[in-house]
Amino acid sequence: MTAPTVSRFITAVALVALGFGFGAFYSSTPAQAQAGGPSTALGAGKVFELRTYTAPDGKLPLLQKRFRDHTIRIFEKHGMKSVGYWVPQDAPARDNTLIYVLSHASREAAKTSWANFAADPEWKKVSAESQVDGPIVSKVVSVYMDATDYSPIK
């Protein structure tokens, strides 16, 4: 597969996985469903963020270790809720790609959370220590998403 094809495939797989696993986050009323508006109730105003990280050759285990040992906890500290984390099954992406989804109270809350996360002294220390032998992330793609009225995650 070409790089753009792999990227589209990874995004599609993550979205499908999100749809099958997280129905408790959203619900919609019949009026909202007819109007074609986003789901609400439990998920009122919530925004999902799909992030895809590409690691340099051989660095994915280090990136996963940083998430496992530090990043997720620091995300939570700044109001970012982890929905799920995935790695592709097929080469070449399985060797260098981490996909995850965060839930934010709103797009504005996401912006504030990311700013606070980036300024966090613990994060700065963890980030520097994890990259002592070079960067462990070479590319980041972020997509903000709203659930549709017909989404399985309502």
N, C-alpha and C. Protein backbone atom coordinates (compact mmCIF):
# COMPACT_ATOMS: atom_id res chain seq x y z
N MET A 1 0.84 -1.19 0.00
CA MET A 1 0.00 0.00 0.00
C MET A 1 0.88 1.24 0.00
N THR A 2 0.40 2.28 -0.64
CA THR A 2 1.11 3.55 -0.63
C THR A 2 0.84 4.25 0.70
N ALA A 3 1.65 5.24 1.02
CA ALA A 3 1.49 5.95 2.29
C ALA A 3 0.11 6.59 2.44
N PRO A 4 -0.42 7.31 1.40
CA PRO A 4 -1.77 7.87 1.56
C PRO A 4 -2.84 6.79 1.75
N THR A 5 -2.68 5.65 1.07
CA THR A 5 -3.64 4.56 1.22
C THR A 5 -3.59 4.00 2.63
N VAL A 6 -2.39 3.82 3.17
CA VAL A 6 -2.23 3.33 4.54
C VAL A 6 -2.87 4.31 5.52
N SER A 7 -2.65 5.60 5.30
CA SER A 7 -3.22 6.61 6.19
C SER A 7 -4.75 6.56 6.17
N ARG A 8 -5.36 6.47 4.99
CA ARG A 8 -6.82 6.38 4.90
C ARG A 8 -7.32 5.10 5.55
N PHE A 9 -6.59 4.01 5.34
CA PHE A 9 -6.97 2.73 5.92
C PHE A 9 -6.93 2.79 7.44
N ILE A 10 -5.88 3.36 7.99
CA ILE A 10 -5.73 3.47 9.44
C ILE A 10 -6.86 4.31 10.02
N THR A 11 -7.19 5.41 9.37
CA THR A 11 -8.27 6.26 9.85
C THR A 11 -9.59 5.50 9.83
N ALA A 12 -9.85 4.78 8.75
CA ALA A 12 -11.11 4.02 8.64
C ALA A 12 -11.19 2.95 9.72
N VAL A 13 -10.09 2.24 9.96
CA VAL A 13 -10.07 1.19 10.98
C VAL A 13 -10.32 1.78 12.36
N ALA A 14 -9.69 2.88 12.66
CA ALA A 14 -9.87 3.51 13.97
C ALA A 14 -11.31 3.97 14.16
N LEU A 15 -11.89 4.53 13.13
CA LEU A 15 -13.28 4.99 13.24
C LEU A 15 -14.24 3.82 13.42
N VAL A 16 -13.99 2.72 12.73
CA VAL A 16 -14.83 1.53 12.91
C VAL A 16 -14.68 1.01 14.33
N ALA A 17 -13.44 0.92 14.81
CA ALA A 17 -13.21 0.44 16.18
C ALA A 17 -13.90 1.34 17.19
N LEU A 18 -13.84 2.64 16.97
CA LEU A 18 -14.50 3.59 17.86
C LEU A 18 -16.01 3.34 17.88
N GLY A 19 -16.58 3.14 16.72
CA GLY A 19 -18.02 2.93 16.62
C GLY A 19 -18.50 1.68 17.30
N PHE A 20 -17.73 0.61 17.30
CA PHE A 20 -18.15 -0.64 17.90
C PHE A 20 -17.94 -0.69 19.41
N GLY A 21 -17.05 0.14 19.93
CA GLY A 21 -16.70 -0.03 21.33
C GLY A 21 -17.19 1.00 22.31
N PHE A 22 -17.81 2.09 21.86
CA PHE A 22 -18.01 3.17 22.80
C PHE A 22 -19.40 3.77 22.77
N GLY A 23 -20.41 2.90 22.70
CA GLY A 23 -21.79 3.34 22.63
C GLY A 23 -22.28 4.11 23.84
N ALA A 24 -21.65 3.97 24.96
CA ALA A 24 -22.13 4.62 26.19
C ALA A 24 -21.88 6.12 26.21
N PHE A 25 -21.05 6.65 25.31
CA PHE A 25 -20.71 8.06 25.37
C PHE A 25 -21.80 8.98 24.86
N TYR A 26 -22.62 8.52 23.93
CA TYR A 26 -23.57 9.39 23.29
C TYR A 26 -24.95 8.77 23.23
N SER A 27 -25.95 9.62 23.17
CA SER A 27 -27.30 9.19 22.81
C SER A 27 -27.96 10.38 22.13
N SER A 28 -28.97 10.13 21.32
CA SER A 28 -29.66 11.24 20.67
C SER A 28 -31.16 11.06 20.80
N THR A 29 -31.86 12.16 20.77
CA THR A 29 -33.31 12.12 20.84
C THR A 29 -33.86 11.89 19.43
N PRO A 30 -35.09 11.41 19.32
CA PRO A 30 -35.68 11.24 17.99
C PRO A 30 -35.68 12.54 17.19
N ALA A 31 -35.95 13.67 17.84
CA ALA A 31 -35.97 14.96 17.12
C ALA A 31 -34.59 15.28 16.56
N GLN A 32 -33.54 15.01 17.33
CA GLN A 32 -32.18 15.26 16.84
C GLN A 32 -31.86 14.33 15.69
N ALA A 33 -32.28 13.08 15.79
CA ALA A 33 -32.01 12.13 14.72
C ALA A 33 -32.69 12.57 13.44
N GLN A 34 -33.95 13.05 13.52
CA GLN A 34 -34.66 13.52 12.33
C GLN A 34 -34.01 14.77 11.77
N ALA A 35 -33.51 15.63 12.64
CA ALA A 35 -32.90 16.88 12.19
C ALA A 35 -31.50 16.67 11.65
N GLY A 36 -30.92 15.50 11.89
CA GLY A 36 -29.58 15.23 11.40
C GLY A 36 -28.50 15.89 12.23
N GLY A 37 -28.83 16.28 13.46
CA GLY A 37 -27.86 16.94 14.32
C GLY A 37 -26.99 15.95 15.05
N PRO A 38 -25.92 16.44 15.70
CA PRO A 38 -25.05 15.55 16.45
C PRO A 38 -25.76 14.95 17.65
N SER A 39 -25.26 13.82 18.08
CA SER A 39 -25.82 13.17 19.26
C SER A 39 -25.53 14.00 20.49
N THR A 40 -26.41 13.87 21.51
CA THR A 40 -26.21 14.64 22.73
C THR A 40 -26.45 13.78 23.94
N ALA A 41 -27.13 14.30 24.93
CA ALA A 41 -27.40 13.65 26.22
C ALA A 41 -26.09 13.44 26.95
N LEU A 42 -25.69 12.17 27.18
CA LEU A 42 -24.45 11.93 27.93
C LEU A 42 -23.26 12.61 27.28
N GLY A 43 -23.26 12.72 25.98
CA GLY A 43 -22.12 13.29 25.26
C GLY A 43 -22.32 14.74 24.86
N ALA A 44 -23.22 15.45 25.53
CA ALA A 44 -23.52 16.82 25.13
C ALA A 44 -22.25 17.65 24.98
N GLY A 45 -22.03 18.15 23.78
CA GLY A 45 -20.89 19.01 23.52
C GLY A 45 -19.57 18.30 23.38
N LYS A 46 -19.52 17.00 23.63
CA LYS A 46 -18.26 16.28 23.55
C LYS A 46 -17.71 16.24 22.14
N VAL A 47 -16.40 16.25 22.08
CA VAL A 47 -15.68 16.16 20.83
C VAL A 47 -14.67 15.04 20.95
N PHE A 48 -14.58 14.23 19.90
CA PHE A 48 -13.56 13.19 19.86
C PHE A 48 -12.40 13.68 19.01
N GLU A 49 -11.21 13.26 19.39
CA GLU A 49 -10.01 13.61 18.63
C GLU A 49 -9.30 12.32 18.26
N LEU A 50 -9.19 12.07 16.97
CA LEU A 50 -8.46 10.93 16.45
C LEU A 50 -7.04 11.38 16.14
N ARG A 51 -6.06 10.71 16.75
CA ARG A 51 -4.67 11.09 16.53
C ARG A 51 -3.90 9.87 16.02
N THR A 52 -3.08 10.11 15.01
CA THR A 52 -2.24 9.07 14.43
C THR A 52 -0.80 9.54 14.51
N TYR A 53 0.03 8.76 15.19
CA TYR A 53 1.45 9.08 15.33
C TYR A 53 2.27 8.10 14.50
N THR A 54 3.23 8.63 13.78
CA THR A 54 4.19 7.81 13.07
C THR A 54 5.52 7.95 13.79
N ALA A 55 6.14 6.82 14.09
CA ALA A 55 7.42 6.80 14.80
C ALA A 55 8.54 6.50 13.81
N PRO A 56 9.74 7.04 14.05
CA PRO A 56 10.88 6.66 13.23
C PRO A 56 11.16 5.15 13.38
N ASP A 57 11.86 4.59 12.43
CA ASP A 57 12.17 3.15 12.47
C ASP A 57 12.72 2.73 13.83
N GLY A 58 12.11 1.69 14.38
CA GLY A 58 12.56 1.11 15.64
C GLY A 58 12.13 1.85 16.89
N LYS A 59 11.41 2.95 16.76
CA LYS A 59 11.07 3.78 17.93
C LYS A 59 9.66 3.55 18.48
N LEU A 60 8.83 2.76 17.79
CA LEU A 60 7.46 2.55 18.27
C LEU A 60 7.41 1.97 19.68
N PRO A 61 8.25 0.99 20.03
CA PRO A 61 8.21 0.49 21.41
C PRO A 61 8.50 1.58 22.45
N LEU A 62 9.38 2.51 22.13
CA LEU A 62 9.68 3.61 23.05
C LEU A 62 8.48 4.55 23.18
N LEU A 63 7.81 4.82 22.06
CA LEU A 63 6.62 5.66 22.09
C LEU A 63 5.52 5.00 22.92
N GLN A 64 5.32 3.70 22.73
CA GLN A 64 4.31 2.98 23.51
C GLN A 64 4.65 2.98 25.00
N LYS A 65 5.90 2.83 25.31
CA LYS A 65 6.33 2.86 26.72
C LYS A 65 6.02 4.22 27.34
N ARG A 66 6.29 5.29 26.60
CA ARG A 66 6.01 6.63 27.12
C ARG A 66 4.51 6.80 27.38
N PHE A 67 3.67 6.34 26.46
CA PHE A 67 2.23 6.41 26.68
C PHE A 67 1.82 5.58 27.88
N ARG A 68 2.29 4.35 27.92
CA ARG A 68 1.92 3.41 28.99
C ARG A 68 2.34 3.93 30.37
N ASP A 69 3.55 4.46 30.46
CA ASP A 69 4.11 4.84 31.76
C ASP A 69 3.80 6.27 32.20
N HIS A 70 3.51 7.17 31.24
CA HIS A 70 3.40 8.58 31.61
C HIS A 70 2.27 9.35 30.92
N THR A 71 2.24 9.30 29.59
CA THR A 71 1.39 10.20 28.81
C THR A 71 -0.08 10.12 29.17
N ILE A 72 -0.62 8.91 29.26
CA ILE A 72 -2.05 8.77 29.54
C ILE A 72 -2.42 9.41 30.87
N ARG A 73 -1.59 9.20 31.87
CA ARG A 73 -1.84 9.79 33.19
C ARG A 73 -1.78 11.32 33.12
N ILE A 74 -0.84 11.86 32.35
CA ILE A 74 -0.73 13.32 32.24
C ILE A 74 -1.90 13.87 31.43
N PHE A 75 -2.35 13.14 30.41
CA PHE A 75 -3.57 13.54 29.69
C PHE A 75 -4.72 13.71 30.68
N GLU A 76 -4.95 12.69 31.50
CA GLU A 76 -6.06 12.72 32.46
C GLU A 76 -5.96 13.91 33.40
N LYS A 77 -4.74 14.22 33.81
CA LYS A 77 -4.49 15.35 34.69
C LYS A 77 -4.99 16.66 34.08
N HIS A 78 -4.98 16.72 32.74
CA HIS A 78 -5.38 17.94 32.03
C HIS A 78 -6.75 17.81 31.35
N GLY A 79 -7.57 16.86 31.83
CA GLY A 79 -8.95 16.75 31.38
C GLY A 79 -9.17 16.03 30.06
N MET A 80 -8.15 15.38 29.54
CA MET A 80 -8.30 14.62 28.30
C MET A 80 -8.57 13.17 28.65
N LYS A 81 -9.69 12.66 28.18
CA LYS A 81 -10.08 11.28 28.50
C LYS A 81 -9.68 10.35 27.36
N SER A 82 -8.94 9.31 27.70
CA SER A 82 -8.53 8.32 26.72
C SER A 82 -9.70 7.41 26.39
N VAL A 83 -9.99 7.25 25.09
CA VAL A 83 -11.04 6.37 24.63
C VAL A 83 -10.44 5.02 24.25
N GLY A 84 -9.33 5.05 23.54
CA GLY A 84 -8.68 3.80 23.14
C GLY A 84 -7.38 4.06 22.40
N TYR A 85 -6.57 3.01 22.36
CA TYR A 85 -5.26 3.06 21.70
C TYR A 85 -5.13 1.81 20.83
N TRP A 86 -4.60 2.00 19.60
CA TRP A 86 -4.49 0.90 18.66
C TRP A 86 -3.17 0.95 17.92
N VAL A 87 -2.73 -0.22 17.46
CA VAL A 87 -1.65 -0.32 16.47
C VAL A 87 -2.20 -1.16 15.32
N PRO A 88 -1.87 -0.80 14.09
CA PRO A 88 -2.33 -1.58 12.94
C PRO A 88 -1.78 -3.00 12.97
N GLN A 89 -2.50 -3.92 12.36
CA GLN A 89 -2.05 -5.31 12.29
C GLN A 89 -1.10 -5.56 11.13
N ASP A 90 -1.23 -4.78 10.07
CA ASP A 90 -0.48 -5.07 8.85
C ASP A 90 0.71 -4.15 8.66
N ALA A 91 1.76 -4.71 8.05
CA ALA A 91 2.95 -3.94 7.68
C ALA A 91 2.59 -3.01 6.53
N PRO A 92 3.22 -1.90 6.40
CA PRO A 92 4.34 -1.44 7.21
C PRO A 92 3.91 -0.66 8.45
N ALA A 93 2.62 -0.28 8.53
CA ALA A 93 2.16 0.58 9.61
C ALA A 93 2.28 -0.07 10.99
N ARG A 94 2.21 -1.39 11.07
CA ARG A 94 2.27 -2.04 12.39
C ARG A 94 3.60 -1.78 13.10
N ASP A 95 4.61 -1.44 12.34
CA ASP A 95 5.94 -1.24 12.91
C ASP A 95 6.23 0.20 13.32
N ASN A 96 5.34 1.14 12.92
CA ASN A 96 5.68 2.53 13.21
C ASN A 96 4.48 3.43 13.53
N THR A 97 3.29 2.85 13.76
CA THR A 97 2.09 3.68 13.89
C THR A 97 1.34 3.40 15.19
N LEU A 98 0.98 4.47 15.88
CA LEU A 98 0.11 4.41 17.06
C LEU A 98 -1.10 5.29 16.76
N ILE A 99 -2.29 4.74 16.97
CA ILE A 99 -3.53 5.46 16.74
C ILE A 99 -4.27 5.52 18.07
N TYR A 100 -4.80 6.71 18.39
CA TYR A 100 -5.60 6.79 19.60
C TYR A 100 -6.69 7.82 19.46
N VAL A 101 -7.68 7.71 20.35
CA VAL A 101 -8.80 8.63 20.37
C VAL A 101 -8.94 9.19 21.78
N LEU A 102 -9.08 10.50 21.84
CA LEU A 102 -9.34 11.20 23.09
C LEU A 102 -10.74 11.78 23.04
N SER A 103 -11.33 11.99 24.20
CA SER A 103 -12.61 12.66 24.32
C SER A 103 -12.38 13.95 25.11
N HIS A 104 -12.95 15.04 24.58
CA HIS A 104 -12.84 16.35 25.21
C HIS A 104 -14.25 16.88 25.46
N ALA A 105 -14.41 17.72 26.44
CA ALA A 105 -15.71 18.31 26.74
C ALA A 105 -16.20 19.19 25.58
N SER A 106 -15.26 19.82 24.87
CA SER A 106 -15.58 20.68 23.72
C SER A 106 -14.29 20.93 22.95
N ARG A 107 -14.41 21.56 21.81
CA ARG A 107 -13.22 21.90 21.02
C ARG A 107 -12.36 22.92 21.79
N GLU A 108 -13.01 23.86 22.43
CA GLU A 108 -12.28 24.85 23.23
C GLU A 108 -11.56 24.19 24.41
N ALA A 109 -12.24 23.23 25.05
CA ALA A 109 -11.61 22.49 26.15
C ALA A 109 -10.39 21.73 25.65
N ALA A 110 -10.48 21.18 24.44
CA ALA A 110 -9.34 20.46 23.86
C ALA A 110 -8.15 21.40 23.69
N LYS A 111 -8.42 22.58 23.17
CA LYS A 111 -7.36 23.57 22.95
C LYS A 111 -6.68 23.93 24.28
N THR A 112 -7.49 24.17 25.30
CA THR A 112 -6.96 24.51 26.62
C THR A 112 -6.17 23.34 27.21
N SER A 113 -6.72 22.13 27.10
CA SER A 113 -6.05 20.95 27.64
C SER A 113 -4.70 20.72 26.97
N TRP A 114 -4.65 20.85 25.65
CA TRP A 114 -3.38 20.65 24.94
C TRP A 114 -2.36 21.71 25.34
N ALA A 115 -2.79 22.94 25.52
CA ALA A 115 -1.86 24.00 25.94
C ALA A 115 -1.32 23.72 27.34
N ASN A 116 -2.20 23.31 28.25
CA ASN A 116 -1.76 22.99 29.61
C ASN A 116 -0.86 21.76 29.62
N PHE A 117 -1.19 20.77 28.81
CA PHE A 117 -0.36 19.56 28.69
C PHE A 117 1.05 19.93 28.22
N ALA A 118 1.14 20.73 27.16
CA ALA A 118 2.44 21.11 26.60
C ALA A 118 3.29 21.91 27.59
N ALA A 119 2.63 22.67 28.47
CA ALA A 119 3.35 23.48 29.45
C ALA A 119 3.65 22.74 30.75
N ASP A 120 3.11 21.54 30.91
CA ASP A 120 3.27 20.78 32.16
C ASP A 120 4.74 20.41 32.37
N PRO A 121 5.32 20.78 33.51
CA PRO A 121 6.73 20.47 33.78
C PRO A 121 7.03 18.97 33.76
N GLU A 122 6.10 18.16 34.26
CA GLU A 122 6.32 16.72 34.24
C GLU A 122 6.38 16.22 32.79
N TRP A 123 5.46 16.69 31.94
CA TRP A 123 5.46 16.29 30.54
C TRP A 123 6.77 16.70 29.86
N LYS A 124 7.21 17.93 30.11
CA LYS A 124 8.45 18.40 29.49
C LYS A 124 9.62 17.49 29.87
N LYS A 125 9.67 17.08 31.13
CA LYS A 125 10.74 16.20 31.60
C LYS A 125 10.63 14.82 30.95
N VAL A 126 9.44 14.24 30.95
CA VAL A 126 9.21 12.92 30.36
C VAL A 126 9.54 12.95 28.86
N SER A 127 9.09 13.98 28.17
CA SER A 127 9.34 14.11 26.74
C SER A 127 10.84 14.18 26.45
N ALA A 128 11.54 15.00 27.19
CA ALA A 128 12.99 15.15 26.98
C ALA A 128 13.72 13.84 27.26
N GLU A 129 13.36 13.19 28.36
CA GLU A 129 14.03 11.93 28.73
C GLU A 129 13.76 10.83 27.70
N SER A 130 12.56 10.80 27.14
CA SER A 130 12.23 9.73 26.19
C SER A 130 12.87 9.96 24.82
N GLN A 131 13.39 11.15 24.59
CA GLN A 131 13.99 11.45 23.29
C GLN A 131 15.49 11.70 23.38
N VAL A 132 16.10 11.20 24.43
CA VAL A 132 17.53 11.39 24.63
C VAL A 132 18.36 10.82 23.46
N ASP A 133 17.86 9.75 22.84
CA ASP A 133 18.56 9.14 21.70
C ASP A 133 17.90 9.51 20.37
N GLY A 134 17.15 10.60 20.33
CA GLY A 134 16.50 11.05 19.11
C GLY A 134 15.00 11.03 19.23
N PRO A 135 14.33 11.70 18.31
CA PRO A 135 12.86 11.79 18.35
C PRO A 135 12.21 10.42 18.26
N ILE A 136 11.07 10.28 18.96
CA ILE A 136 10.31 9.02 18.88
C ILE A 136 8.99 9.21 18.13
N VAL A 137 8.75 10.43 17.66
CA VAL A 137 7.59 10.72 16.82
C VAL A 137 8.08 11.55 15.63
N SER A 138 7.73 11.09 14.43
CA SER A 138 8.14 11.84 13.24
C SER A 138 6.97 12.57 12.58
N LYS A 139 5.73 12.14 12.87
CA LYS A 139 4.56 12.76 12.26
C LYS A 139 3.35 12.58 13.17
N VAL A 140 2.54 13.63 13.27
CA VAL A 140 1.29 13.59 14.03
C VAL A 140 0.16 14.11 13.14
N VAL A 141 -0.92 13.34 13.07
CA VAL A 141 -2.12 13.77 12.36
C VAL A 141 -3.25 13.78 13.38
N SER A 142 -3.97 14.90 13.45
CA SER A 142 -5.07 15.05 14.40
C SER A 142 -6.34 15.42 13.64
N VAL A 143 -7.45 14.73 13.98
CA VAL A 143 -8.75 15.00 13.37
C VAL A 143 -9.77 15.10 14.50
N TYR A 144 -10.48 16.25 14.58
CA TYR A 144 -11.55 16.41 15.56
C TYR A 144 -12.85 15.92 14.92
N MET A 145 -13.66 15.21 15.72
CA MET A 145 -14.86 14.56 15.18
C MET A 145 -16.06 14.77 16.10
N ASP A 146 -17.23 14.89 15.46
CA ASP A 146 -18.51 14.88 16.16
C ASP A 146 -19.24 13.61 15.75
N ALA A 147 -19.95 13.03 16.68
CA ALA A 147 -20.76 11.85 16.36
C ALA A 147 -21.98 12.29 15.55
N THR A 148 -22.36 11.49 14.58
CA THR A 148 -23.55 11.77 13.80
C THR A 148 -24.76 11.13 14.47
N ASP A 149 -25.96 11.53 14.05
CA ASP A 149 -27.18 10.98 14.63
C ASP A 149 -27.33 9.50 14.32
N TYR A 150 -26.69 8.97 13.28
CA TYR A 150 -26.81 7.57 12.91
C TYR A 150 -25.62 6.73 13.36
N SER A 151 -24.72 7.33 14.12
CA SER A 151 -23.53 6.65 14.57
C SER A 151 -23.85 5.59 15.63
N PRO A 152 -23.16 4.44 15.59
CA PRO A 152 -23.36 3.43 16.61
C PRO A 152 -22.91 3.89 18.01
N ILE A 153 -22.18 5.00 18.11
CA ILE A 153 -21.71 5.44 19.43
C ILE A 153 -22.68 6.39 20.11
N LYS A 154 -23.91 6.48 19.62
CA LYS A 154 -24.87 7.40 20.23
C LYS A 154 -25.38 6.92 21.56
